[in-house]
């Protein structure tokens, strides 16, 4: 989407790209909630969701401010392209990481 130029491309390109982006967001939410419920202890599930909601709220408050500042300094196209490259890089790294054994990942912490 960062390469979209309305002077050169048709406006119908957005109608094609928007459902793809929406499907990606939907799959992200679905898989994220599945992973949190599957790999969290049942006793600590509420704490995990509370922590996740706190981080999500913080990101939703700070992201527009930082995005506006960075967009003003670097330009909108460069900002979106850099953000897309970071997201793709993190996605590829997470795909390459081995999952291992579930018993090794679950560490009991007494708080």
PDB file of N, CA and C in Angstrom:
ATOM      1  N   UNK A   1       0.821  -1.197   0.000  1.00  0.00           N
ATOM      2  CA  UNK A   1       0.000   0.000   0.000  1.00  0.00           C
ATOM      3  C   UNK A   1       0.863   1.258   0.000  1.00  0.00           C
ATOM      4  N   UNK A   2       2.096   1.159   0.536  1.00  0.00           N
ATOM      5  CA  UNK A   2       2.934   2.355   0.570  1.00  0.00           C
ATOM      6  C   UNK A   2       3.390   2.762  -0.826  1.00  0.00           C
ATOM      7  N   UNK A   3       3.343   1.856  -1.774  1.00  0.00           N
ATOM      8  CA  UNK A   3       3.757   2.166  -3.146  1.00  0.00           C
ATOM      9  C   UNK A   3       2.589   2.668  -3.992  1.00  0.00           C
ATOM     10  N   UNK A   4       1.406   2.821  -3.406  1.00  0.00           N
ATOM     11  CA  UNK A   4       0.240   3.282  -4.162  1.00  0.00           C
ATOM     12  C   UNK A   4       0.399   4.747  -4.535  1.00  0.00           C
ATOM     13  N   UNK A   5       0.273   5.025  -5.797  1.00  0.00           N
ATOM     14  CA  UNK A   5       0.357   6.390  -6.304  1.00  0.00           C
ATOM     15  C   UNK A   5      -0.901   6.633  -7.134  1.00  0.00           C
ATOM     16  N   UNK A   6      -1.840   7.442  -6.652  1.00  0.00           N
ATOM     17  CA  UNK A   6      -3.106   7.627  -7.362  1.00  0.00           C
ATOM     18  C   UNK A   6      -2.954   8.263  -8.745  1.00  0.00           C
ATOM     19  N   UNK A   7      -1.824   8.933  -8.994  1.00  0.00           N
ATOM     20  CA  UNK A   7      -1.625   9.528 -10.313  1.00  0.00           C
ATOM     21  C   UNK A   7      -1.304   8.469 -11.362  1.00  0.00           C
ATOM     22  N   UNK A   8      -0.711   7.366 -10.940  1.00  0.00           N
ATOM     23  CA  UNK A   8      -0.289   6.329 -11.877  1.00  0.00           C
ATOM     24  C   UNK A   8      -1.224   5.118 -11.834  1.00  0.00           C
ATOM     25  N   UNK A   9      -1.630   4.712 -10.629  1.00  0.00           N
ATOM     26  CA  UNK A   9      -2.427   3.498 -10.452  1.00  0.00           C
ATOM     27  C   UNK A   9      -3.915   3.826 -10.392  1.00  0.00           C
ATOM     28  N   UNK A  10      -4.679   2.818 -10.659  1.00  0.00           N
ATOM     29  CA  UNK A  10      -6.126   2.964 -10.578  1.00  0.00           C
ATOM     30  C   UNK A  10      -6.569   2.977  -9.117  1.00  0.00           C
ATOM     31  N   UNK A  11      -7.649   3.664  -8.845  1.00  0.00           N
ATOM     32  CA  UNK A  11      -8.188   3.685  -7.481  1.00  0.00           C
ATOM     33  C   UNK A  11      -8.771   2.332  -7.094  1.00  0.00           C
ATOM     34  N   UNK A  12      -9.028   1.481  -8.065  1.00  0.00           N
ATOM     35  CA  UNK A  12      -9.570   0.156  -7.776  1.00  0.00           C
ATOM     36  C   UNK A  12      -8.537  -0.754  -7.127  1.00  0.00           C
ATOM     37  N   UNK A  13      -7.269  -0.349  -7.194  1.00  0.00           N
ATOM     38  CA  UNK A  13      -6.225  -1.109  -6.522  1.00  0.00           C
ATOM     39  C   UNK A  13      -6.495  -1.197  -5.023  1.00  0.00           C
ATOM     40  N   UNK A  14      -7.006  -0.121  -4.445  1.00  0.00           N
ATOM     41  CA  UNK A  14      -7.327  -0.118  -3.010  1.00  0.00           C
ATOM     42  C   UNK A  14      -8.449  -1.109  -2.713  1.00  0.00           C
ATOM     43  N   UNK A  15      -9.416  -1.223  -3.616  1.00  0.00           N
ATOM     44  CA  UNK A  15     -10.510  -2.176  -3.411  1.00  0.00           C
ATOM     45  C   UNK A  15     -10.022  -3.620  -3.447  1.00  0.00           C
ATOM     46  N   UNK A  16      -8.922  -3.858  -4.114  1.00  0.00           N
ATOM     47  CA  UNK A  16      -8.345  -5.203  -4.139  1.00  0.00           C
ATOM     48  C   UNK A  16      -7.462  -5.423  -2.907  1.00  0.00           C
ATOM     49  N   UNK A  17      -6.669  -4.408  -2.538  1.00  0.00           N
ATOM     50  CA  UNK A  17      -5.708  -4.553  -1.442  1.00  0.00           C
ATOM     51  C   UNK A  17      -6.371  -4.520  -0.062  1.00  0.00           C
ATOM     52  N   UNK A  18      -7.452  -3.768   0.093  1.00  0.00           N
ATOM     53  CA  UNK A  18      -8.084  -3.620   1.410  1.00  0.00           C
ATOM     54  C   UNK A  18      -8.618  -4.944   1.971  1.00  0.00           C
ATOM     55  N   UNK A  19      -9.317  -5.776   1.195  1.00  0.00           N
ATOM     56  CA  UNK A  19      -9.760  -7.055   1.765  1.00  0.00           C
ATOM     57  C   UNK A  19      -8.606  -7.980   2.136  1.00  0.00           C
ATOM     58  N   UNK A  20      -7.505  -7.894   1.402  1.00  0.00           N
ATOM     59  CA  UNK A  20      -6.348  -8.715   1.753  1.00  0.00           C
ATOM     60  C   UNK A  20      -5.799  -8.269   3.109  1.00  0.00           C
ATOM     61  N   UNK A  21      -5.686  -6.962   3.313  1.00  0.00           N
ATOM     62  CA  UNK A  21      -5.240  -6.447   4.604  1.00  0.00           C
ATOM     63  C   UNK A  21      -6.211  -6.798   5.727  1.00  0.00           C
ATOM     64  N   UNK A  22      -7.494  -6.706   5.458  1.00  0.00           N
ATOM     65  CA  UNK A  22      -8.494  -7.056   6.464  1.00  0.00           C
ATOM     66  C   UNK A  22      -8.446  -8.528   6.841  1.00  0.00           C
ATOM     67  N   UNK A  23      -8.231  -9.389   5.847  1.00  0.00           N
ATOM     68  CA  UNK A  23      -8.110 -10.820   6.126  1.00  0.00           C
ATOM     69  C   UNK A  23      -6.865 -11.088   6.967  1.00  0.00           C
ATOM     70  N   UNK A  24      -5.792 -10.364   6.692  1.00  0.00           N
ATOM     71  CA  UNK A  24      -4.573 -10.531   7.486  1.00  0.00           C
ATOM     72  C   UNK A  24      -4.777 -10.127   8.932  1.00  0.00           C
ATOM     73  N   UNK A  25      -5.490  -9.043   9.165  1.00  0.00           N
ATOM     74  CA  UNK A  25      -5.770  -8.602  10.532  1.00  0.00           C
ATOM     75  C   UNK A  25      -6.659  -9.626  11.248  1.00  0.00           C
ATOM     76  N   UNK A  26      -7.659 -10.131  10.545  1.00  0.00           N
ATOM     77  CA  UNK A  26      -8.542 -11.129  11.141  1.00  0.00           C
ATOM     78  C   UNK A  26      -7.806 -12.406  11.507  1.00  0.00           C
ATOM     79  N   UNK A  27      -6.953 -12.892  10.616  1.00  0.00           N
ATOM     80  CA  UNK A  27      -6.163 -14.087  10.919  1.00  0.00           C
ATOM     81  C   UNK A  27      -5.202 -13.831  12.073  1.00  0.00           C
ATOM     82  N   UNK A  28      -4.633 -12.647  12.127  1.00  0.00           N
ATOM     83  CA  UNK A  28      -3.736 -12.305  13.217  1.00  0.00           C
ATOM     84  C   UNK A  28      -4.459 -12.365  14.558  1.00  0.00           C
ATOM     85  N   UNK A  29      -5.622 -11.751  14.644  1.00  0.00           N
ATOM     86  CA  UNK A  29      -6.380 -11.770  15.898  1.00  0.00           C
ATOM     87  C   UNK A  29      -6.790 -13.182  16.294  1.00  0.00           C
ATOM     88  N   UNK A  30      -7.241 -13.951  15.340  1.00  0.00           N
ATOM     89  CA  UNK A  30      -7.677 -15.316  15.607  1.00  0.00           C
ATOM     90  C   UNK A  30      -6.523 -16.178  16.101  1.00  0.00           C
ATOM     91  N   UNK A  31      -5.402 -16.147  15.389  1.00  0.00           N
ATOM     92  CA  UNK A  31      -4.256 -16.968  15.773  1.00  0.00           C
ATOM     93  C   UNK A  31      -3.626 -16.489  17.076  1.00  0.00           C
ATOM     94  N   UNK A  32      -3.599 -15.186  17.295  1.00  0.00           N
ATOM     95  CA  UNK A  32      -3.027 -14.666  18.541  1.00  0.00           C
ATOM     96  C   UNK A  32      -3.828 -15.155  19.748  1.00  0.00           C
ATOM     97  N   UNK A  33      -5.145 -15.057  19.685  1.00  0.00           N
ATOM     98  CA  UNK A  33      -5.968 -15.518  20.810  1.00  0.00           C
ATOM     99  C   UNK A  33      -5.855 -17.028  20.999  1.00  0.00           C
ATOM    100  N   UNK A  34      -5.753 -17.779  19.910  1.00  0.00           N
ATOM    101  CA  UNK A  34      -5.576 -19.230  20.013  1.00  0.00           C
ATOM    102  C   UNK A  34      -4.262 -19.562  20.716  1.00  0.00           C
ATOM    103  N   UNK A  35      -3.181 -18.896  20.315  1.00  0.00           N
ATOM    104  CA  UNK A  35      -1.873 -19.170  20.903  1.00  0.00           C
ATOM    105  C   UNK A  35      -1.853 -18.793  22.384  1.00  0.00           C
ATOM    106  N   UNK A  36      -2.442 -17.661  22.732  1.00  0.00           N
ATOM    107  CA  UNK A  36      -2.462 -17.240  24.141  1.00  0.00           C
ATOM    108  C   UNK A  36      -3.239 -18.256  24.984  1.00  0.00           C
ATOM    109  N   UNK A  37      -4.370 -18.726  24.503  1.00  0.00           N
ATOM    110  CA  UNK A  37      -5.168 -19.671  25.284  1.00  0.00           C
ATOM    111  C   UNK A  37      -4.527 -21.047  25.338  1.00  0.00           C
ATOM    112  N   UNK A  38      -3.867 -21.458  24.268  1.00  0.00           N
ATOM    113  CA  UNK A  38      -3.285 -22.793  24.231  1.00  0.00           C
ATOM    114  C   UNK A  38      -2.025 -22.902  25.080  1.00  0.00           C
ATOM    115  N   UNK A  39      -1.181 -21.881  25.055  1.00  0.00           N
ATOM    116  CA  UNK A  39       0.112 -21.982  25.706  1.00  0.00           C
ATOM    117  C   UNK A  39       0.188 -21.263  27.050  1.00  0.00           C
ATOM    118  N   UNK A  40      -0.913 -20.752  27.555  1.00  0.00           N
ATOM    119  CA  UNK A  40      -0.929 -20.143  28.887  1.00  0.00           C
ATOM    120  C   UNK A  40      -1.528 -21.127  29.879  1.00  0.00           C
ATOM    121  N   UNK A  41      -1.034 -21.054  31.101  1.00  0.00           N
ATOM    122  CA  UNK A  41      -1.625 -21.878  32.155  1.00  0.00           C
ATOM    123  C   UNK A  41      -3.044 -21.388  32.419  1.00  0.00           C
ATOM    124  N   UNK A  42      -3.927 -22.314  32.712  1.00  0.00           N
ATOM    125  CA  UNK A  42      -5.336 -21.955  32.931  1.00  0.00           C
ATOM    126  C   UNK A  42      -5.502 -21.074  34.168  1.00  0.00           C
ATOM    127  N   UNK A  43      -4.624 -21.247  35.160  1.00  0.00           N
ATOM    128  CA  UNK A  43      -4.722 -20.445  36.379  1.00  0.00           C
ATOM    129  C   UNK A  43      -4.292 -18.999  36.145  1.00  0.00           C
ATOM    130  N   UNK A  44      -3.412 -18.774  35.175  1.00  0.00           N
ATOM    131  CA  UNK A  44      -2.855 -17.441  34.940  1.00  0.00           C
ATOM    132  C   UNK A  44      -3.390 -16.789  33.674  1.00  0.00           C
ATOM    133  N   UNK A  45      -4.410 -17.350  33.083  1.00  0.00           N
ATOM    134  CA  UNK A  45      -4.922 -16.831  31.821  1.00  0.00           C
ATOM    135  C   UNK A  45      -5.438 -15.402  31.966  1.00  0.00           C
ATOM    136  N   UNK A  46      -6.089 -15.109  33.067  1.00  0.00           N
ATOM    137  CA  UNK A  46      -6.581 -13.751  33.300  1.00  0.00           C
ATOM    138  C   UNK A  46      -5.454 -12.738  33.426  1.00  0.00           C
ATOM    139  N   UNK A  47      -4.374 -13.133  34.114  1.00  0.00           N
ATOM    140  CA  UNK A  47      -3.224 -12.247  34.247  1.00  0.00           C
ATOM    141  C   UNK A  47      -2.558 -12.014  32.890  1.00  0.00           C
ATOM    142  N   UNK A  48      -2.466 -13.064  32.104  1.00  0.00           N
ATOM    143  CA  UNK A  48      -1.849 -12.941  30.781  1.00  0.00           C
ATOM    144  C   UNK A  48      -2.655 -11.989  29.914  1.00  0.00           C
ATOM    145  N   UNK A  49      -3.981 -12.160  29.890  1.00  0.00           N
ATOM    146  CA  UNK A  49      -4.814 -11.268  29.092  1.00  0.00           C
ATOM    147  C   UNK A  49      -4.775  -9.828  29.626  1.00  0.00           C
ATOM    148  N   UNK A  50      -4.683  -9.663  30.934  1.00  0.00           N
ATOM    149  CA  UNK A  50      -4.564  -8.326  31.502  1.00  0.00           C
ATOM    150  C   UNK A  50      -3.275  -7.646  31.072  1.00  0.00           C
ATOM    151  N   UNK A  51      -2.186  -8.396  31.102  1.00  0.00           N
ATOM    152  CA  UNK A  51      -0.899  -7.862  30.660  1.00  0.00           C
ATOM    153  C   UNK A  51      -0.935  -7.515  29.179  1.00  0.00           C
ATOM    154  N   UNK A  52      -1.504  -8.391  28.368  1.00  0.00           N
ATOM    155  CA  UNK A  52      -1.601  -8.153  26.924  1.00  0.00           C
ATOM    156  C   UNK A  52      -2.469  -6.925  26.645  1.00  0.00           C
ATOM    157  N   UNK A  53      -3.577  -6.785  27.349  1.00  0.00           N
ATOM    158  CA  UNK A  53      -4.448  -5.625  27.147  1.00  0.00           C
ATOM    159  C   UNK A  53      -3.763  -4.325  27.563  1.00  0.00           C
ATOM    160  N   UNK A  54      -2.956  -4.370  28.632  1.00  0.00           N
ATOM    161  CA  UNK A  54      -2.217  -3.183  29.046  1.00  0.00           C
ATOM    162  C   UNK A  54      -1.213  -2.769  27.980  1.00  0.00           C
ATOM    163  N   UNK A  55      -0.464  -3.735  27.451  1.00  0.00           N
ATOM    164  CA  UNK A  55       0.502  -3.420  26.394  1.00  0.00           C
ATOM    165  C   UNK A  55      -0.191  -2.922  25.131  1.00  0.00           C
ATOM    166  N   UNK A  56      -1.317  -3.543  24.791  1.00  0.00           N
ATOM    167  CA  UNK A  56      -2.060  -3.121  23.599  1.00  0.00           C
ATOM    168  C   UNK A  56      -2.559  -1.687  23.755  1.00  0.00           C
ATOM    169  N   UNK A  57      -3.064  -1.357  24.923  1.00  0.00           N
ATOM    170  CA  UNK A  57      -3.533   0.014  25.169  1.00  0.00           C
ATOM    171  C   UNK A  57      -2.392   1.017  25.064  1.00  0.00           C
ATOM    172  N   UNK A  58      -1.243   0.661  25.610  1.00  0.00           N
ATOM    173  CA  UNK A  58      -0.091   1.562  25.534  1.00  0.00           C
ATOM    174  C   UNK A  58       0.342   1.782  24.082  1.00  0.00           C
ATOM    175  N   UNK A  59       0.338   0.713  23.305  1.00  0.00           N
ATOM    176  CA  UNK A  59       0.721   0.832  21.894  1.00  0.00           C
ATOM    177  C   UNK A  59      -0.304   1.660  21.132  1.00  0.00           C
ATOM    178  N   UNK A  60      -1.579   1.442  21.411  1.00  0.00           N
ATOM    179  CA  UNK A  60      -2.615   2.195  20.701  1.00  0.00           C
ATOM    180  C   UNK A  60      -2.603   3.680  21.052  1.00  0.00           C
ATOM    181  N   UNK A  61      -2.078   4.024  22.222  1.00  0.00           N
ATOM    182  CA  UNK A  61      -1.967   5.432  22.592  1.00  0.00           C
ATOM    183  C   UNK A  61      -0.725   6.093  21.991  1.00  0.00           C
ATOM    184  N   UNK A  62       0.382   5.369  21.977  1.00  0.00           N
ATOM    185  CA  UNK A  62       1.636   5.978  21.529  1.00  0.00           C
ATOM    186  C   UNK A  62       1.886   5.858  20.037  1.00  0.00           C
ATOM    187  N   UNK A  63       1.355   4.829  19.382  1.00  0.00           N
ATOM    188  CA  UNK A  63       1.641   4.611  17.960  1.00  0.00           C
ATOM    189  C   UNK A  63       1.193   5.763  17.062  1.00  0.00           C
ATOM    190  N   UNK A  64      -0.017   6.299  17.216  1.00  0.00           N
ATOM    191  CA  UNK A  64      -0.387   7.421  16.346  1.00  0.00           C
ATOM    192  C   UNK A  64       0.490   8.654  16.545  1.00  0.00           C
ATOM    193  N   UNK A  65       0.890   8.912  17.784  1.00  0.00           N
ATOM    194  CA  UNK A  65       1.754  10.062  18.043  1.00  0.00           C
ATOM    195  C   UNK A  65       3.129   9.887  17.409  1.00  0.00           C
ATOM    196  N   UNK A  66       3.733   8.721  17.648  1.00  0.00           N
ATOM    197  CA  UNK A  66       5.047   8.476  17.067  1.00  0.00           C
ATOM    198  C   UNK A  66       4.968   8.359  15.546  1.00  0.00           C
ATOM    199  N   UNK A  67       3.913   7.738  15.044  1.00  0.00           N
ATOM    200  CA  UNK A  67       3.742   7.615  13.598  1.00  0.00           C
ATOM    201  C   UNK A  67       3.585   8.968  12.931  1.00  0.00           C
ATOM    202  N   UNK A  68       2.881   9.867  13.579  1.00  0.00           N
ATOM    203  CA  UNK A  68       2.724  11.213  13.028  1.00  0.00           C
ATOM    204  C   UNK A  68       4.038  11.967  12.994  1.00  0.00           C
ATOM    205  N   UNK A  69       4.801  11.826  14.064  1.00  0.00           N
ATOM    206  CA  UNK A  69       6.104  12.511  14.115  1.00  0.00           C
ATOM    207  C   UNK A  69       7.048  11.944  13.064  1.00  0.00           C
ATOM    208  N   UNK A  70       7.138  10.608  13.001  1.00  0.00           N
ATOM    209  CA  UNK A  70       8.034   9.979  12.035  1.00  0.00           C
ATOM    210  C   UNK A  70       7.562  10.246  10.607  1.00  0.00           C
ATOM    211  N   UNK A  71       6.253  10.213  10.388  1.00  0.00           N
ATOM    212  CA  UNK A  71       5.719  10.507   9.060  1.00  0.00           C
ATOM    213  C   UNK A  71       6.006  11.925   8.615  1.00  0.00           C
ATOM    214  N   UNK A  72       5.987  12.847   9.561  1.00  0.00           N
ATOM    215  CA  UNK A  72       6.289  14.244   9.240  1.00  0.00           C
ATOM    216  C   UNK A  72       7.768  14.425   8.912  1.00  0.00           C
ATOM    217  N   UNK A  73       8.624  13.709   9.646  1.00  0.00           N
ATOM    218  CA  UNK A  73      10.067  13.845   9.430  1.00  0.00           C
ATOM    219  C   UNK A  73      10.555  13.094   8.189  1.00  0.00           C
ATOM    220  N   UNK A  74      10.099  11.852   7.999  1.00  0.00           N
ATOM    221  CA  UNK A  74      10.637  11.007   6.926  1.00  0.00           C
ATOM    222  C   UNK A  74       9.743  10.950   5.700  1.00  0.00           C
ATOM    223  N   UNK A  75       8.488  11.304   5.843  1.00  0.00           N
ATOM    224  CA  UNK A  75       7.551  11.175   4.730  1.00  0.00           C
ATOM    225  C   UNK A  75       6.691   9.925   4.907  1.00  0.00           C
ATOM    226  N   UNK A  76       5.483   9.999   4.401  1.00  0.00           N
ATOM    227  CA  UNK A  76       4.525   8.919   4.610  1.00  0.00           C
ATOM    228  C   UNK A  76       4.950   7.636   3.912  1.00  0.00           C
ATOM    229  N   UNK A  77       5.392   7.733   2.680  1.00  0.00           N
ATOM    230  CA  UNK A  77       5.743   6.522   1.926  1.00  0.00           C
ATOM    231  C   UNK A  77       6.915   5.796   2.566  1.00  0.00           C
ATOM    232  N   UNK A  78       7.941   6.520   2.954  1.00  0.00           N
ATOM    233  CA  UNK A  78       9.102   5.890   3.595  1.00  0.00           C
ATOM    234  C   UNK A  78       8.726   5.284   4.939  1.00  0.00           C
ATOM    235  N   UNK A  79       7.856   5.953   5.675  1.00  0.00           N
ATOM    236  CA  UNK A  79       7.431   5.435   6.973  1.00  0.00           C
ATOM    237  C   UNK A  79       6.670   4.127   6.826  1.00  0.00           C
ATOM    238  N   UNK A  80       5.702   4.085   5.911  1.00  0.00           N
ATOM    239  CA  UNK A  80       4.923   2.861   5.708  1.00  0.00           C
ATOM    240  C   UNK A  80       5.776   1.738   5.158  1.00  0.00           C
ATOM    241  N   UNK A  81       6.687   2.052   4.253  1.00  0.00           N
ATOM    242  CA  UNK A  81       7.549   1.028   3.680  1.00  0.00           C
ATOM    243  C   UNK A  81       8.493   0.452   4.727  1.00  0.00           C
ATOM    244  N   UNK A  82       9.047   1.294   5.581  1.00  0.00           N
ATOM    245  CA  UNK A  82       9.922   0.821   6.657  1.00  0.00           C
ATOM    246  C   UNK A  82       9.147  -0.025   7.657  1.00  0.00           C
ATOM    247  N   UNK A  83       7.954   0.402   8.016  1.00  0.00           N
ATOM    248  CA  UNK A  83       7.132  -0.380   8.949  1.00  0.00           C
ATOM    249  C   UNK A  83       6.783  -1.732   8.348  1.00  0.00           C
ATOM    250  N   UNK A  84       6.477  -1.775   7.067  1.00  0.00           N
ATOM    251  CA  UNK A  84       6.151  -3.043   6.410  1.00  0.00           C
ATOM    252  C   UNK A  84       7.359  -3.975   6.395  1.00  0.00           C
ATOM    253  N   UNK A  85       8.540  -3.430   6.126  1.00  0.00           N
ATOM    254  CA  UNK A  85       9.743  -4.270   6.125  1.00  0.00           C
ATOM    255  C   UNK A  85      10.039  -4.819   7.511  1.00  0.00           C
ATOM    256  N   UNK A  86       9.796  -4.026   8.545  1.00  0.00           N
ATOM    257  CA  UNK A  86      10.009  -4.506   9.912  1.00  0.00           C
ATOM    258  C   UNK A  86       9.028  -5.616  10.252  1.00  0.00           C
ATOM    259  N   UNK A  87       7.768  -5.438   9.879  1.00  0.00           N
ATOM    260  CA  UNK A  87       6.755  -6.453  10.171  1.00  0.00           C
ATOM    261  C   UNK A  87       7.070  -7.761   9.441  1.00  0.00           C
ATOM    262  N   UNK A  88       7.455  -7.660   8.175  1.00  0.00           N
ATOM    263  CA  UNK A  88       7.799  -8.863   7.405  1.00  0.00           C
ATOM    264  C   UNK A  88       9.024  -9.540   8.000  1.00  0.00           C
ATOM    265  N   UNK A  89      10.024  -8.777   8.413  1.00  0.00           N
ATOM    266  CA  UNK A  89      11.238  -9.353   9.010  1.00  0.00           C
ATOM    267  C   UNK A  89      10.912 -10.088  10.307  1.00  0.00           C
ATOM    268  N   UNK A  90      10.121  -9.466  11.167  1.00  0.00           N
ATOM    269  CA  UNK A  90       9.737 -10.117  12.424  1.00  0.00           C
ATOM    270  C   UNK A  90       8.922 -11.378  12.135  1.00  0.00           C
ATOM    271  N   UNK A  91       8.065 -11.333  11.130  1.00  0.00           N
ATOM    272  CA  UNK A  91       7.283 -12.507  10.760  1.00  0.00           C
ATOM    273  C   UNK A  91       8.148 -13.655  10.291  1.00  0.00           C
ATOM    274  N   UNK A  92       9.136 -13.364   9.435  1.00  0.00           N
ATOM    275  CA  UNK A  92      10.022 -14.419   8.960  1.00  0.00           C
ATOM    276  C   UNK A  92      10.879 -14.988  10.079  1.00  0.00           C
ATOM    277  N   UNK A  93      11.363 -14.136  10.959  1.00  0.00           N
ATOM    278  CA  UNK A  93      12.161 -14.622  12.084  1.00  0.00           C
ATOM    279  C   UNK A  93      11.314 -15.522  12.986  1.00  0.00           C
ATOM    280  N   UNK A  94      10.068 -15.141  13.219  1.00  0.00           N
ATOM    281  CA  UNK A  94       9.205 -15.967  14.074  1.00  0.00           C
ATOM    282  C   UNK A  94       8.854 -17.293  13.411  1.00  0.00           C
ATOM    283  N   UNK A  95       8.789 -17.318  12.089  1.00  0.00           N
ATOM    284  CA  UNK A  95       8.547 -18.587  11.404  1.00  0.00           C
ATOM    285  C   UNK A  95       9.752 -19.513  11.479  1.00  0.00           C
ATOM    286  N   UNK A  96      10.938 -18.943  11.516  1.00  0.00           N
ATOM    287  CA  UNK A  96      12.149 -19.747  11.545  1.00  0.00           C
ATOM    288  C   UNK A  96      12.499 -20.256  12.930  1.00  0.00           C
ATOM    289  N   UNK A  97      11.927 -19.654  13.966  1.00  0.00           N
ATOM    290  CA  UNK A  97      12.239 -20.072  15.331  1.00  0.00           C
ATOM    291  C   UNK A  97      11.581 -21.417  15.617  1.00  0.00           C
ATOM    292  N   UNK A  98      12.338 -22.354  16.166  1.00  0.00           N
ATOM    293  CA  UNK A  98      11.731 -23.655  16.492  1.00  0.00           C
ATOM    294  C   UNK A  98      10.815 -23.544  17.698  1.00  0.00           C
ATOM    295  N   UNK A  99       9.743 -24.308  17.658  1.00  0.00           N
ATOM    296  CA  UNK A  99       8.805 -24.287  18.778  1.00  0.00           C
ATOM    297  C   UNK A  99       9.266 -25.177  19.921  1.00  0.00           C
ATOM    298  N   UNK A 100       9.902 -26.275  19.633  1.00  0.00           N
ATOM    299  CA  UNK A 100      10.402 -27.153  20.682  1.00  0.00           C
ATOM    300  C   UNK A 100       9.290 -27.879  21.404  1.00  0.00           C
ATOM    301  N   UNK A 101       9.607 -28.361  22.582  1.00  0.00           N
ATOM    302  CA  UNK A 101       8.671 -29.117  23.396  1.00  0.00           C
ATOM    303  C   UNK A 101       7.897 -28.168  24.300  1.00  0.00           C
ATOM    304  N   UNK A 102       6.594 -28.392  24.423  1.00  0.00           N
ATOM    305  CA  UNK A 102       5.747 -27.512  25.231  1.00  0.00           C
ATOM    306  C   UNK A 102       6.147 -27.551  26.704  1.00  0.00           C
ATOM    307  N   UNK A 103       6.570 -28.691  27.186  1.00  0.00           N
ATOM    308  CA  UNK A 103       6.936 -28.819  28.595  1.00  0.00           C
ATOM    309  C   UNK A 103       8.152 -27.962  28.927  1.00  0.00           C
ATOM    310  N   UNK A 104       9.057 -27.781  27.968  1.00  0.00           N
ATOM    311  CA  UNK A 104      10.238 -26.960  28.209  1.00  0.00           C
ATOM    312  C   UNK A 104       9.900 -25.474  28.244  1.00  0.00           C
ATOM    313  N   UNK A 105       8.856 -25.054  27.548  1.00  0.00           N
ATOM    314  CA  UNK A 105       8.499 -23.641  27.483  1.00  0.00           C
ATOM    315  C   UNK A 105       7.714 -23.180  28.687  1.00  0.00           C
ATOM    316  N   UNK A 106       6.930 -24.053  29.294  1.00  0.00           N
ATOM    317  CA  UNK A 106       6.099 -23.656  30.417  1.00  0.00           C
ATOM    318  C   UNK A 106       6.937 -23.646  31.691  1.00  0.00           C
ATOM    319  N   UNK A 107       7.291 -22.475  32.139  1.00  0.00           N
ATOM    320  CA  UNK A 107       8.078 -22.316  33.348  1.00  0.00           C
ATOM    321  C   UNK A 107       7.156 -21.795  34.429  1.00  0.00           C
ATOM    322  N   UNK A 108       7.130 -22.469  35.548  1.00  0.00           N
ATOM    323  CA  UNK A 108       6.259 -22.073  36.650  1.00  0.00           C
ATOM    324  C   UNK A 108       6.945 -20.978  37.453  1.00  0.00           C
ATOM    325  N   UNK A 109       6.279 -19.842  37.588  1.00  0.00           N
ATOM    326  CA  UNK A 109       6.812 -18.728  38.359  1.00  0.00           C
ATOM    327  C   UNK A 109       5.868 -18.471  39.513  1.00  0.00           C
ATOM    328  N   UNK A 110       6.394 -18.533  40.718  1.00  0.00           N
ATOM    329  CA  UNK A 110       5.579 -18.257  41.898  1.00  0.00           C
ATOM    330  C   UNK A 110       5.682 -16.777  42.210  1.00  0.00           C
ATOM    331  N   UNK A 111       4.506 -16.117  42.203  1.00  0.00           N
ATOM    332  CA  UNK A 111       4.518 -14.680  42.468  1.00  0.00           C
ATOM    333  C   UNK A 111       3.710 -14.359  43.706  1.00  0.00           C
TER     334      UNK A 111
END
